C-alpha atoms as a PDB file:
ATOM      1  CA  MET A   1     -76.310  33.057 -74.446  1.00  0.00           C
ATOM      2  CA  GLY A   2     -77.114  31.334 -77.982  1.00  0.00           C
ATOM      3  CA  ARG A   3     -74.317  30.574 -80.924  1.00  0.00           C
ATOM      4  CA  LYS A   4     -74.250  31.929 -84.169  1.00  0.00           C
ATOM      5  CA  GLN A   5     -75.736  29.241 -86.812  1.00  0.00           C
ATOM      6  CA  ASN A   6     -73.312  30.996 -89.402  1.00  0.00           C
ATOM      7  CA  GLY A   7     -69.815  32.583 -89.113  1.00  0.00           C
ATOM      8  CA  PRO A   8     -68.024  34.879 -91.768  1.00  0.00           C
ATOM      9  CA  GLU A   9     -64.749  33.843 -92.699  1.00  0.00           C
ATOM     10  CA  SER A  10     -62.959  30.397 -91.420  1.00  0.00           C
ATOM     11  CA  HIS A  11     -60.418  32.494 -89.707  1.00  0.00           C
ATOM     12  CA  HIS A  12     -63.152  34.175 -87.869  1.00  0.00           C
ATOM     13  CA  TYR A  13     -64.540  30.952 -87.165  1.00  0.00           C
ATOM     14  CA  THR A  14     -61.234  29.726 -85.458  1.00  0.00           C
ATOM     15  CA  SER A  15     -60.691  32.849 -83.435  1.00  0.00           C
ATOM     16  CA  LEU A  16     -64.294  32.180 -81.981  1.00  0.00           C
ATOM     17  CA  ILE A  17     -63.867  28.597 -80.942  1.00  0.00           C
ATOM     18  CA  LEU A  18     -60.516  30.015 -79.218  1.00  0.00           C
ATOM     19  CA  PHE A  19     -62.233  32.581 -77.292  1.00  0.00           C
ATOM     20  CA  LEU A  20     -64.957  29.919 -76.139  1.00  0.00           C
ATOM     21  CA  VAL A  21     -62.408  27.565 -74.983  1.00  0.00           C
ATOM     22  CA  GLY A  22     -60.848  30.211 -72.817  1.00  0.00           C
ATOM     23  CA  LEU A  23     -64.168  31.722 -71.625  1.00  0.00           C
ATOM     24  CA  ILE A  24     -65.009  27.851 -70.470  1.00  0.00           C
ATOM     25  CA  SER A  25     -61.997  27.186 -68.828  1.00  0.00           C
ATOM     26  CA  CYS A  26     -62.419  30.534 -67.053  1.00  0.00           C
ATOM     27  CA  ALA A  27     -65.601  29.469 -66.109  1.00  0.00           C
ATOM     28  CA  LEU A  28     -64.418  25.926 -64.828  1.00  0.00           C
ATOM     29  CA  VAL A  29     -61.860  27.590 -62.541  1.00  0.00           C
ATOM     30  CA  TYR A  30     -64.135  29.730 -60.958  1.00  0.00           C
ATOM     31  CA  ALA A  31     -66.554  27.116 -60.454  1.00  0.00           C
ATOM     32  CA  ILE A  32     -63.863  24.968 -58.842  1.00  0.00           C
ATOM     33  CA  LEU A  33     -62.969  28.147 -56.809  1.00  0.00           C
ATOM     34  CA  SER A  34     -66.530  28.787 -55.595  1.00  0.00           C
ATOM     35  CA  VAL A  35     -66.462  25.135 -54.376  1.00  0.00           C
ATOM     36  CA  VAL A  36     -63.134  25.076 -52.522  1.00  0.00           C
ATOM     37  CA  LEU A  37     -63.871  28.596 -50.656  1.00  0.00           C
ATOM     38  CA  ARG A  38     -67.764  28.151 -50.050  1.00  0.00           C
ATOM     39  CA  PRO A  39     -68.268  28.361 -46.462  1.00  0.00           C
ATOM     40  CA  SER A  40     -69.519  24.897 -44.808  1.00  0.00           C
ATOM     41  CA  PRO A  41     -72.910  24.439 -43.160  1.00  0.00           C
ATOM     42  CA  ILE A  42     -72.070  25.727 -39.434  1.00  0.00           C
ATOM     43  CA  SER A  43     -73.548  24.662 -35.991  1.00  0.00           C
ATOM     44  CA  GLU A  44     -74.735  27.264 -33.662  1.00  0.00           C
ATOM     45  CA  ILE A  45     -71.483  27.277 -31.725  1.00  0.00           C
ATOM     46  CA  GLU A  46     -69.351  27.537 -34.810  1.00  0.00           C
ATOM     47  CA  SER A  47     -71.851  30.599 -36.011  1.00  0.00           C
ATOM     48  CA  LEU A  48     -71.438  32.042 -32.901  1.00  0.00           C
ATOM     49  CA  ALA A  49     -67.256  31.431 -32.976  1.00  0.00           C
ATOM     50  CA  SER A  50     -67.558  33.673 -36.239  1.00  0.00           C
ATOM     51  CA  PHE A  51     -69.067  36.400 -34.310  1.00  0.00           C
ATOM     52  CA  GLU A  52     -66.523  36.204 -31.534  1.00  0.00           C
ATOM     53  CA  GLU A  53     -63.551  36.311 -34.127  1.00  0.00           C
ATOM     54  CA  SER A  54     -65.036  39.499 -35.467  1.00  0.00           C
ATOM     55  CA  GLY A  55     -65.488  40.845 -31.799  1.00  0.00           C
ATOM     56  CA  GLY A  56     -69.163  41.172 -32.555  1.00  0.00           C
ATOM     57  CA  GLU A  57     -68.250  45.028 -33.091  1.00  0.00           C
ATOM     58  CA  VAL A  58     -67.503  45.210 -29.638  1.00  0.00           C
ATOM     59  CA  GLU A  59     -63.888  45.004 -29.893  1.00  0.00           C
ATOM     60  CA  GLY A  60     -63.777  45.841 -33.664  1.00  0.00           C
ATOM     61  CA  GLU A  61     -64.942  49.422 -32.637  1.00  0.00           C
ATOM     62  CA  ASN A  62     -62.695  49.710 -29.527  1.00  0.00           C
ATOM     63  CA  GLY A  63     -59.376  48.414 -30.880  1.00  0.00           C
ATOM     64  CA  GLY A  64     -59.877  44.781 -28.935  1.00  0.00           C
ATOM     65  CA  CYS A  65     -61.330  44.736 -25.071  1.00  0.00           C
ATOM     66  CA  CYS A  66     -59.050  43.604 -22.462  1.00  0.00           C
ATOM     67  CA  ARG A  67     -60.209  44.865 -19.210  1.00  0.00           C
ATOM     68  CA  GLY A  68     -60.267  43.097 -15.648  1.00  0.00           C
ATOM     69  CA  ILE A  69     -61.909  43.947 -11.915  1.00  0.00           C
ATOM     70  CA  GLU A  70     -59.467  45.969  -9.867  1.00  0.00           C
ATOM     71  CA  HIS A  71     -58.981  44.641  -5.845  1.00  0.00           C
ATOM     72  CA  LEU A  72     -59.735  41.239  -6.898  1.00  0.00           C
ATOM     73  CA  GLU A  73     -57.649  37.919  -7.107  1.00  0.00           C
ATOM     74  CA  LEU A  74     -58.596  34.948  -8.958  1.00  0.00           C
ATOM     75  CA  TRP A  75     -57.195  31.708  -7.950  1.00  0.00           C
ATOM     76  CA  GLY A  76     -56.514  28.837 -10.519  1.00  0.00           C
ATOM     77  CA  ASN A  77     -53.667  26.216 -11.847  1.00  0.00           C
ATOM     78  CA  ALA A  78     -51.268  28.406 -13.039  1.00  0.00           C
ATOM     79  CA  VAL A  79     -50.215  28.233 -16.711  1.00  0.00           C
ATOM     80  CA  LYS A  80     -47.671  31.225 -16.573  1.00  0.00           C
ATOM     81  CA  TRP A  81     -45.710  31.927 -13.328  1.00  0.00           C
ATOM     82  CA  GLY A  82     -45.907  35.833 -12.934  1.00  0.00           C
ATOM     83  CA  SER A  83     -42.921  35.560 -10.927  1.00  0.00           C
ATOM     84  CA  GLU A  84     -41.139  35.216 -14.441  1.00  0.00           C
ATOM     85  CA  PHE A  85     -43.619  36.840 -16.196  1.00  0.00           C
ATOM     86  CA  LYS A  86     -44.041  40.393 -16.295  1.00  0.00           C
ATOM     87  CA  PHE A  87     -45.828  43.592 -17.737  1.00  0.00           C
ATOM     88  CA  ASN A  88     -46.305  47.025 -17.420  1.00  0.00           C
ATOM     89  CA  SER A  89     -50.102  47.019 -17.324  1.00  0.00           C
ATOM     90  CA  PRO A  90     -53.021  45.064 -17.181  1.00  0.00           C
ATOM     91  CA  GLU A  91     -54.087  45.131 -20.445  1.00  0.00           C
ATOM     92  CA  GLU A  92     -50.599  43.286 -21.588  1.00  0.00           C
ATOM     93  CA  CYS A  93     -51.533  40.723 -19.115  1.00  0.00           C
ATOM     94  CA  CYS A  94     -54.971  40.300 -20.628  1.00  0.00           C
ATOM     95  CA  LYS A  95     -53.290  40.012 -23.886  1.00  0.00           C
ATOM     96  CA  ALA A  96     -51.241  37.663 -22.964  1.00  0.00           C
ATOM     97  CA  CYS A  97     -53.800  35.219 -22.056  1.00  0.00           C
ATOM     98  CA  LYS A  98     -55.857  35.733 -25.002  1.00  0.00           C
ATOM     99  CA  ALA A  99     -53.086  35.062 -27.181  1.00  0.00           C
ATOM    100  CA  MET A 100     -53.111  31.350 -25.529  1.00  0.00           C
ATOM    101  CA  CYS A 101     -56.941  31.484 -26.543  1.00  0.00           C
ATOM    102  CA  SER A 102     -56.602  31.392 -30.235  1.00  0.00           C
ATOM    103  CA  GLY A 103     -57.631  28.102 -31.263  1.00  0.00           C
ATOM    104  CA  SER A 104     -60.373  27.379 -33.518  1.00  0.00           C
ATOM    105  CA  ASP A 105     -62.127  24.674 -31.178  1.00  0.00           C
ATOM    106  CA  GLY A 106     -62.565  24.220 -27.512  1.00  0.00           C
ATOM    107  CA  PRO A 107     -61.606  25.709 -24.188  1.00  0.00           C
ATOM    108  CA  CYS A 108     -58.653  28.227 -24.315  1.00  0.00           C
ATOM    109  CA  LEU A 109     -55.528  26.939 -22.154  1.00  0.00           C
ATOM    110  CA  CYS A 110     -55.726  30.177 -20.417  1.00  0.00           C
ATOM    111  CA  ASP A 111     -58.993  31.359 -19.565  1.00  0.00           C
ATOM    112  CA  SER A 112     -57.921  34.106 -16.510  1.00  0.00           C
ATOM    113  CA  TRP A 113     -55.491  36.274 -15.416  1.00  0.00           C
ATOM    114  CA  VAL A 114     -54.176  37.975 -12.450  1.00  0.00           C
ATOM    115  CA  PHE A 115     -51.952  41.215 -12.635  1.00  0.00           C
ATOM    116  CA  CYS A 116     -50.114  43.382  -9.717  1.00  0.00           C
ATOM    117  CA  GLY A 117     -50.279  46.959 -10.718  1.00  0.00           C
ATOM    118  CA  SER A 118     -49.636  48.899  -7.791  1.00  0.00           C
ATOM    119  CA  ARG A 119     -45.955  49.727  -7.387  1.00  0.00           C
ATOM    120  CA  ASP A 120     -46.452  50.580  -3.572  1.00  0.00           C
ATOM    121  CA  ALA A 121     -48.677  47.731  -2.585  1.00  0.00           C
ATOM    122  CA  CYS A 122     -47.104  45.207  -4.884  1.00  0.00           C
ATOM    123  CA  GLY A 123     -43.345  46.122  -4.204  1.00  0.00           C
ATOM    124  CA  PRO A 124     -41.075  43.596  -5.972  1.00  0.00           C
ATOM    125  CA  ARG A 125     -43.995  41.793  -7.268  1.00  0.00           C
ATOM    126  CA  PHE A 126     -45.247  44.965  -9.120  1.00  0.00           C
ATOM    127  CA  GLY A 127     -46.262  43.751 -12.995  1.00  0.00           C
ATOM    128  CA  GLU A 128     -46.278  40.228 -12.216  1.00  0.00           C
ATOM    129  CA  CYS A 129     -48.851  38.520 -14.625  1.00  0.00           C
ATOM    130  CA  TRP A 130     -50.359  35.133 -13.786  1.00  0.00           C
ATOM    131  CA  LEU A 131     -51.992  33.203 -16.390  1.00  0.00           C
ATOM    132  CA  LYS A 132     -54.609  30.688 -15.060  1.00  0.00           C
ATOM    133  CA  LYS A 133     -56.976  28.145 -15.929  1.00  0.00           C
ATOM    134  CA  GLN A 134     -60.222  27.724 -13.887  1.00  0.00           C
ATOM    135  CA  LYS A 135     -61.873  24.437 -13.434  1.00  0.00           C
ATOM    136  CA  ASP A 136     -65.162  26.131 -13.825  1.00  0.00           C
ATOM    137  CA  THR A 137     -64.784  28.955 -16.106  1.00  0.00           C
ATOM    138  CA  LEU A 138     -68.753  30.182 -15.224  1.00  0.00           C
ATOM    139  CA  ALA A 139     -67.587  29.615 -11.366  1.00  0.00           C
ATOM    140  CA  PRO A 140     -64.094  31.108 -11.464  1.00  0.00           C
ATOM    141  CA  ALA A 141     -62.384  30.532  -7.861  1.00  0.00           C
ATOM    142  CA  ARG A 142     -61.803  33.486  -5.973  1.00  0.00           C
ATOM    143  CA  GLN A 143     -58.707  33.934  -3.504  1.00  0.00           C
ATOM    144  CA  ASN A 144     -59.505  37.412  -2.088  1.00  0.00           C
ATOM    145  CA  GLU A 145     -61.086  40.567  -2.931  1.00  0.00           C
ATOM    146  CA  GLY A 146     -61.535  44.079  -1.638  1.00  0.00           C
ATOM    147  CA  GLN A 147     -60.051  47.389  -1.515  1.00  0.00           C
ATOM    148  CA  THR A 148     -56.627  46.163   0.435  1.00  0.00           C
ATOM    149  CA  VAL A 149     -55.994  43.998  -2.714  1.00  0.00           C
ATOM    150  CA  SER A 150     -53.495  45.160  -4.798  1.00  0.00           C
ATOM    151  CA  TRP A 151     -54.342  42.380  -7.735  1.00  0.00           C
ATOM    152  CA  THR A 152     -56.380  43.014 -11.177  1.00  0.00           C
ATOM    153  CA  SER A 153     -58.309  40.098 -12.593  1.00  0.00           C
ATOM    154  CA  GLY A 154     -60.126  38.855 -15.823  1.00  0.00           C
ATOM    155  CA  LEU A 155     -61.630  36.122 -17.465  1.00  0.00           C
ATOM    156  CA  ILE A 156     -61.216  34.848 -21.053  1.00  0.00           C
ATOM    157  CA  PHE A 157     -63.868  32.692 -22.537  1.00  0.00           C
ATOM    158  CA  GLY A 158     -62.941  30.600 -25.412  1.00  0.00           C
ATOM    159  CA  LYS A 159     -65.142  29.375 -28.242  1.00  0.00           C
ATOM    160  CA  GLY A 160     -68.646  27.755 -27.329  1.00  0.00           C
ATOM    161  CA  GLU A 161     -67.546  28.830 -23.211  1.00  0.00           C
ATOM    162  CA  GLY A 162     -69.460  31.620 -21.430  1.00  0.00           C
ATOM    163  CA  ILE A 163     -72.775  31.030 -22.766  1.00  0.00           C
ATOM    164  CA  VAL A 164     -75.692  31.007 -20.539  1.00  0.00           C
ATOM    165  CA  GLY A 165     -79.353  30.541 -21.281  1.00  0.00           C
ATOM    166  CA  LEU A 166     -82.514  32.781 -20.186  1.00  0.00           C
ATOM    167  CA  GLU A 167     -84.989  30.375 -20.369  1.00  0.00           C
ATOM    168  CA  THR A 168     -88.570  31.443 -21.218  1.00  0.00           C
ATOM    169  CA  GLU A 169     -91.462  30.027 -21.769  1.00  0.00           C
ATOM    170  CA  TYR A 170     -91.066  30.244 -25.328  1.00  0.00           C
ATOM    171  CA  GLY A 171     -87.680  28.721 -25.474  1.00  0.00           C
ATOM    172  CA  THR A 172     -83.952  29.709 -24.031  1.00  0.00           C
ATOM    173  CA  LEU A 173     -82.248  32.476 -25.402  1.00  0.00           C
ATOM    174  CA  HIS A 174     -78.435  31.463 -25.446  1.00  0.00           C
ATOM    175  CA  ILE A 175     -76.246  34.195 -24.726  1.00  0.00           C
ATOM    176  CA  LYS A 176     -72.446  34.598 -24.932  1.00  0.00           C
ATOM    177  CA  LEU A 177     -71.090  36.704 -22.353  1.00  0.00           C
ATOM    178  CA  PHE A 178     -67.793  39.353 -22.849  1.00  0.00           C
ATOM    179  CA  PRO A 179     -65.980  39.612 -19.689  1.00  0.00           C
ATOM    180  CA  ASP A 180     -62.967  40.934 -21.256  1.00  0.00           C
ATOM    181  CA  CYS A 181     -65.249  43.955 -22.427  1.00  0.00           C
ATOM    182  CA  ALA A 182     -67.628  44.331 -19.436  1.00  0.00           C
ATOM    183  CA  PRO A 183     -66.123  42.389 -16.834  1.00  0.00           C
ATOM    184  CA  TYR A 184     -68.173  43.858 -13.828  1.00  0.00           C
ATOM    185  CA  SER A 185     -71.286  43.089 -15.801  1.00  0.00           C
ATOM    186  CA  VAL A 186     -70.593  39.359 -16.338  1.00  0.00           C
ATOM    187  CA  ALA A 187     -69.118  39.270 -12.846  1.00  0.00           C
ATOM    188  CA  TYR A 188     -73.156  40.015 -11.787  1.00  0.00           C
ATOM    189  CA  ILE A 189     -74.283  37.687 -14.336  1.00  0.00           C
ATOM    190  CA  LEU A 190     -72.253  35.130 -12.660  1.00  0.00           C
ATOM    191  CA  GLU A 191     -73.297  35.683  -9.284  1.00  0.00           C
ATOM    192  CA  LEU A 192     -76.695  35.573 -10.443  1.00  0.00           C
ATOM    193  CA  LEU A 193     -76.304  32.284 -12.023  1.00  0.00           C
ATOM    194  CA  ALA A 194     -74.691  30.873  -8.940  1.00  0.00           C
ATOM    195  CA  SER A 195     -77.550  31.944  -6.570  1.00  0.00           C
ATOM    196  CA  ARG A 196     -80.059  30.053  -8.767  1.00  0.00           C
ATOM    197  CA  HIS A 197     -82.413  32.836  -8.049  1.00  0.00           C
ATOM    198  CA  CYS A 198     -84.310  35.058 -10.239  1.00  0.00           C
ATOM    199  CA  ALA A 199     -87.600  35.305  -9.388  1.00  0.00           C
ATOM    200  CA  GLY A 200     -88.983  38.818 -10.741  1.00  0.00           C
ATOM    201  CA  CYS A 201     -86.775  38.515 -13.609  1.00  0.00           C
ATOM    202  CA  GLN A 202     -88.444  39.227 -16.615  1.00  0.00           C
ATOM    203  CA  PHE A 203     -89.322  40.936 -20.216  1.00  0.00           C
ATOM    204  CA  TYR A 204     -91.914  43.521 -19.732  1.00  0.00           C
ATOM    205  CA  ARG A 205     -91.755  45.570 -22.725  1.00  0.00           C
ATOM    206  CA  ALA A 206     -91.657  44.386 -26.720  1.00  0.00           C
ATOM    207  CA  GLU A 207     -91.176  46.390 -29.728  1.00  0.00           C
ATOM    208  CA  GLY A 208     -90.658  44.661 -33.225  1.00  0.00           C
ATOM    209  CA  ARG A 209     -88.712  46.007 -36.045  1.00  0.00           C
ATOM    210  CA  GLY A 210     -91.704  47.530 -37.792  1.00  0.00           C
ATOM    211  CA  GLN A 211     -91.253  49.069 -41.179  1.00  0.00           C
ATOM    212  CA  SER A 212     -87.707  50.739 -40.049  1.00  0.00           C
ATOM    213  CA  TRP A 213     -85.628  47.774 -39.834  1.00  0.00           C
ATOM    214  CA  ASP A 214     -85.401  44.773 -41.889  1.00  0.00           C
ATOM    215  CA  SER A 215     -84.822  40.898 -40.896  1.00  0.00           C
ATOM    216  CA  LYS A 216     -81.251  41.596 -40.820  1.00  0.00           C
ATOM    217  CA  GLY A 217     -81.486  44.581 -38.641  1.00  0.00           C
ATOM    218  CA  ASN A 218     -80.279  47.025 -40.987  1.00  0.00           C
ATOM    219  CA  HIS A 219     -82.208  50.348 -40.765  1.00  0.00           C
ATOM    220  CA  ILE A 220     -84.562  51.177 -43.892  1.00  0.00           C
ATOM    221  CA  GLU A 221     -83.425  54.548 -45.904  1.00  0.00           C
ATOM    222  CA  ASN A 222     -85.774  57.354 -45.033  1.00  0.00           C
ATOM    223  CA  ALA A 223     -87.957  55.205 -42.557  1.00  0.00           C
ATOM    224  CA  PRO A 224     -88.527  56.606 -38.717  1.00  0.00           C
ATOM    225  CA  PHE A 225     -86.189  55.001 -35.892  1.00  0.00           C
ATOM    226  CA  GLY A 226     -89.331  54.420 -33.942  1.00  0.00           C
ATOM    227  CA  PRO A 227     -91.495  53.493 -32.612  1.00  0.00           C
ATOM    228  CA  PRO A 228     -91.700  50.673 -32.381  1.00  0.00           C
ATOM    229  CA  PHE A 229     -87.720  50.529 -31.463  1.00  0.00           C
ATOM    230  CA  ALA A 230     -87.000  47.171 -32.094  1.00  0.00           C
ATOM    231  CA  LEU A 231     -86.266  45.567 -28.836  1.00  0.00           C
ATOM    232  CA  ILE A 232     -87.358  43.388 -25.819  1.00  0.00           C
ATOM    233  CA  GLN A 233     -86.695  45.005 -22.408  1.00  0.00           C
ATOM    234  CA  GLY A 234     -86.842  43.467 -18.763  1.00  0.00           C
ATOM    235  CA  THR A 235     -85.151  43.168 -15.477  1.00  0.00           C
ATOM    236  CA  LEU A 236     -82.302  41.246 -14.038  1.00  0.00           C
ATOM    237  CA  GLU A 237     -82.950  42.117 -10.168  1.00  0.00           C
ATOM    238  CA  PRO A 238     -84.468  38.921  -7.927  1.00  0.00           C
ATOM    239  CA  GLN A 239     -87.151  40.050  -5.933  1.00  0.00           C
ATOM    240  CA  GLY A 240     -86.073  40.619  -2.242  1.00  0.00           C
ATOM    241  CA  SER A 241     -82.144  41.269  -3.195  1.00  0.00           C
ATOM    242  CA  THR A 242     -80.465  44.548  -3.503  1.00  0.00           C
ATOM    243  CA  PHE A 243     -78.802  45.471  -6.625  1.00  0.00           C
ATOM    244  CA  LYS A 244     -75.774  47.501  -6.873  1.00  0.00           C
ATOM    245  CA  LYS A 245     -75.254  49.546  -9.618  1.00  0.00           C
ATOM    246  CA  ILE A 246     -72.921  48.632 -12.543  1.00  0.00           C
ATOM    247  CA  PRO A 247     -70.527  51.205 -13.422  1.00  0.00           C
ATOM    248  CA  THR A 248     -70.283  51.875 -17.327  1.00  0.00           C
ATOM    249  CA  GLU A 249     -68.093  49.655 -19.606  1.00  0.00           C
ATOM    250  CA  VAL A 250     -67.397  49.346 -23.106  1.00  0.00           C
ATOM    251  CA  CYS A 251     -70.404  50.789 -25.036  1.00  0.00           C
ATOM    252  CA  PRO A 252     -70.116  50.238 -28.610  1.00  0.00           C
ATOM    253  CA  ILE A 253     -72.711  50.312 -31.552  1.00  0.00           C
ATOM    254  CA  LEU A 254     -75.765  48.237 -30.687  1.00  0.00           C
ATOM    255  CA  ARG A 255     -76.156  45.482 -33.212  1.00  0.00           C
ATOM    256  CA  ARG A 256     -78.981  43.192 -33.829  1.00  0.00           C
ATOM    257  CA  GLY A 257     -78.478  40.698 -30.776  1.00  0.00           C
ATOM    258  CA  SER A 258     -76.694  42.795 -28.249  1.00  0.00           C
ATOM    259  CA  VAL A 259     -77.451  42.689 -24.551  1.00  0.00           C
ATOM    260  CA  ALA A 260     -77.009  46.099 -22.743  1.00  0.00           C
ATOM    261  CA  TRP A 261     -77.954  47.492 -19.569  1.00  0.00           C
ATOM    262  CA  ILE A 262     -80.241  50.459 -19.377  1.00  0.00           C
ATOM    263  CA  GLY A 263     -77.828  52.866 -17.331  1.00  0.00           C
ATOM    264  CA  SER A 264     -76.290  51.263 -14.670  1.00  0.00           C
ATOM    265  CA  GLY A 265     -78.735  48.232 -14.614  1.00  0.00           C
ATOM    266  CA  PRO A 266     -80.780  46.252 -13.636  1.00  0.00           C
ATOM    267  CA  GLU A 267     -82.928  46.814 -16.321  1.00  0.00           C
ATOM    268  CA  PHE A 268     -81.464  45.806 -19.480  1.00  0.00           C
ATOM    269  CA  PHE A 269     -82.822  44.911 -23.350  1.00  0.00           C
ATOM    270  CA  ILE A 270     -81.885  43.067 -26.168  1.00  0.00           C
ATOM    271  CA  SER A 271     -81.446  44.902 -29.539  1.00  0.00           C
ATOM    272  CA  LEU A 272     -83.637  43.520 -32.692  1.00  0.00           C
ATOM    273  CA  ALA A 273     -81.854  45.656 -35.079  1.00  0.00           C
ATOM    274  CA  ASN A 274     -78.562  47.715 -35.641  1.00  0.00           C
ATOM    275  CA  HIS A 275     -79.091  51.062 -33.892  1.00  0.00           C
ATOM    276  CA  GLN A 276     -76.098  53.177 -34.943  1.00  0.00           C
ATOM    277  CA  GLU A 277     -78.520  56.159 -34.046  1.00  0.00           C
ATOM    278  CA  TRP A 278     -77.957  55.503 -30.399  1.00  0.00           C
ATOM    279  CA  LYS A 279     -74.619  55.668 -30.917  1.00  0.00           C
ATOM    280  CA  ASN A 280     -72.179  54.588 -27.888  1.00  0.00           C
ATOM    281  CA  ALA A 281     -74.983  55.032 -25.184  1.00  0.00           C
ATOM    282  CA  TYR A 282     -75.357  51.729 -23.538  1.00  0.00           C
ATOM    283  CA  THR A 283     -72.776  49.015 -21.802  1.00  0.00           C
ATOM    284  CA  VAL A 284     -72.977  45.707 -23.801  1.00  0.00           C
ATOM    285  CA  PHE A 285     -72.420  42.884 -21.673  1.00  0.00           C
ATOM    286  CA  GLY A 286     -73.378  39.962 -24.419  1.00  0.00           C
ATOM    287  CA  SER A 287     -74.932  38.686 -27.706  1.00  0.00           C
ATOM    288  CA  VAL A 288     -77.697  36.624 -28.187  1.00  0.00           C
ATOM    289  CA  LEU A 289     -76.902  33.461 -30.381  1.00  0.00           C
ATOM    290  CA  PRO A 290     -77.698  34.457 -33.877  1.00  0.00           C
ATOM    291  CA  GLU A 291     -79.950  31.350 -34.235  1.00  0.00           C
ATOM    292  CA  ASP A 292     -81.901  32.281 -31.224  1.00  0.00           C
ATOM    293  CA  MET A 293     -83.086  35.698 -32.445  1.00  0.00           C
ATOM    294  CA  GLU A 294     -86.300  34.379 -34.217  1.00  0.00           C
ATOM    295  CA  MET A 295     -87.326  33.450 -30.705  1.00  0.00           C
ATOM    296  CA  ALA A 296     -86.730  36.981 -29.477  1.00  0.00           C
ATOM    297  CA  GLU A 297     -88.753  38.310 -32.325  1.00  0.00           C
ATOM    298  CA  LYS A 298     -91.295  35.897 -31.530  1.00  0.00           C
ATOM    299  CA  ILE A 299     -91.739  37.612 -27.931  1.00  0.00           C
ATOM    300  CA  ALA A 300     -91.976  40.874 -29.599  1.00  0.00           C
ATOM    301  CA  GLN A 301     -94.629  40.021 -31.386  1.00  0.00           C
ATOM    302  CA  LEU A 302     -96.649  39.021 -28.298  1.00  0.00           C
ATOM    303  CA  PRO A 303     -99.661  41.122 -27.333  1.00  0.00           C
ATOM    304  CA  THR A 304     -99.077  44.690 -26.037  1.00  0.00           C
ATOM    305  CA  ARG A 305    -100.715  47.521 -24.856  1.00  0.00           C
ATOM    306  CA  SER A 306     -99.613  51.566 -25.156  1.00  0.00           C
ATOM    307  CA  ASP A 307     -97.945  53.599 -22.695  1.00  0.00           C
ATOM    308  CA  VAL A 308     -95.870  56.528 -22.289  1.00  0.00           C
ATOM    309  CA  TRP A 309     -92.555  56.559 -20.517  1.00  0.00           C
ATOM    310  CA  ASN A 310     -91.025  60.226 -20.304  1.00  0.00           C
ATOM    311  CA  ASN A 311     -92.787  61.586 -22.978  1.00  0.00           C
ATOM    312  CA  VAL A 312     -92.168  58.605 -25.486  1.00  0.00           C
ATOM    313  CA  ASN A 313     -94.426  56.157 -26.791  1.00  0.00           C
ATOM    314  CA  VAL A 314     -93.656  52.414 -25.685  1.00  0.00           C
ATOM    315  CA  SER A 315     -95.231  48.865 -25.913  1.00  0.00           C
ATOM    316  CA  VAL A 316     -95.617  47.047 -22.598  1.00  0.00           C
ATOM    317  CA  LEU A 317     -96.427  43.582 -22.578  1.00  0.00           C
ATOM    318  CA  GLU A 318     -99.626  42.345 -21.351  1.00  0.00           C
ATOM    319  CA  THR A 319     -98.248  39.573 -19.768  1.00  0.00           C
ATOM    320  CA  PRO A 320     -94.943  39.845 -18.605  1.00  0.00           C
ATOM    321  CA  VAL A 321     -92.310  36.877 -19.671  1.00  0.00           C
ATOM    322  CA  SER A 322     -90.855  35.321 -16.670  1.00  0.00           C
ATOM    323  CA  LEU A 323     -86.871  34.682 -17.349  1.00  0.00           C
ATOM    324  CA  ARG A 324     -84.680  31.889 -15.557  1.00  0.00           C
ATOM    325  CA  LEU A 325     -81.095  31.745 -15.781  1.00  0.00           C
ATOM    326  CA  ARG A 326     -79.655  28.892 -16.695  1.00  0.00           C
ATOM    327  CA  ARG A 327     -76.114  27.385 -16.961  1.00  0.00           C
ATOM    328  CA  ILE A 328     -75.351  25.779 -20.453  1.00  0.00           C
ATOM    329  CA  LYS A 329     -72.768  23.184 -21.054  1.00  0.00           C
ATOM    330  CA  THR A 330     -71.177  22.361 -24.781  1.00  0.00           C
ATOM    331  CA  SER A 331     -70.592  18.804 -26.051  1.00  0.00           C
ATOM    332  CA  ASN A 332     -69.200  18.420 -29.742  1.00  0.00           C
ATOM    333  CA  GLY A 333     -71.030  21.706 -30.879  1.00  0.00           C
ATOM    334  CA  ASP A 334     -74.368  21.036 -29.152  1.00  0.00           C
ATOM    335  CA  LEU A 335     -75.947  23.225 -26.298  1.00  0.00           C
ATOM    336  CA  THR A 336     -77.657  21.638 -23.272  1.00  0.00           C
ATOM    337  CA  ARG A 337     -78.924  22.863 -20.246  1.00  0.00           C
ATOM    338  CA  LYS A 338     -76.743  22.017 -17.126  1.00  0.00           C
END
């Protein structure tokens, strides 16, 4: 803003100078605060960490996820002895484990919990909450499982942990798993990971955001909700295996990057947009690392042909994209295949 070359009386001129000095001082304070408070550049793991802190809209919309698998006893080194550490519910035991995983870097002090919740079966051990540390969080040690087992167990993945890779010819989609919200779903993924067999796993449907959602996944006002439906869909059932249906778990509003089952699986999809219109219809068991969504978008732009499923127009890939499930390890914030 230009300054006047000629002022009225001298005292008005003095007032103007004082006003400008005050204005400049405020501007300097704002500039300093902007530098101090400005977010620093973040790595892929740190970017996902900020997503984890918000619960990825999974925990945020459900008051915090803390679920486990019934009739399962996980093994591992104890960091809290259950005989001296008791609660009334598995959720409280889970939260106690999470409380030891509040650091901003690296693995958790507690990454698994075991709770004895049947008064009849547990007897004097009712309420015991064992907090444990696994040697390998992607291959947790199992002591016992089955209907006769009175324990409920769960996993907690720290920042940068619990990430698996879906390898394609177009690159690897890194997915952060949510065992505290979808423990049965994650257990299946870990079994699939351990088997090293995913022949037949593939993406077969691909639909971009079209003119209905912007690049951040936000729906454009007055635009239709599809088709296209802003997703890539596939299957995680290896050839020759028998898939056991997965129970419905936490079903938040789908956001861009959400990885969810269709029904009870093994068909799944990755959402390319925020789908509030679908409400709480799908179990979400993970989320694609934000930086990998460009790769998902690339798959969505591959050549397709039109088809009709249950009176709905869909776009099917002319050539399905094969998937390979891989372990991912982290080292100093870097993602590498293991």
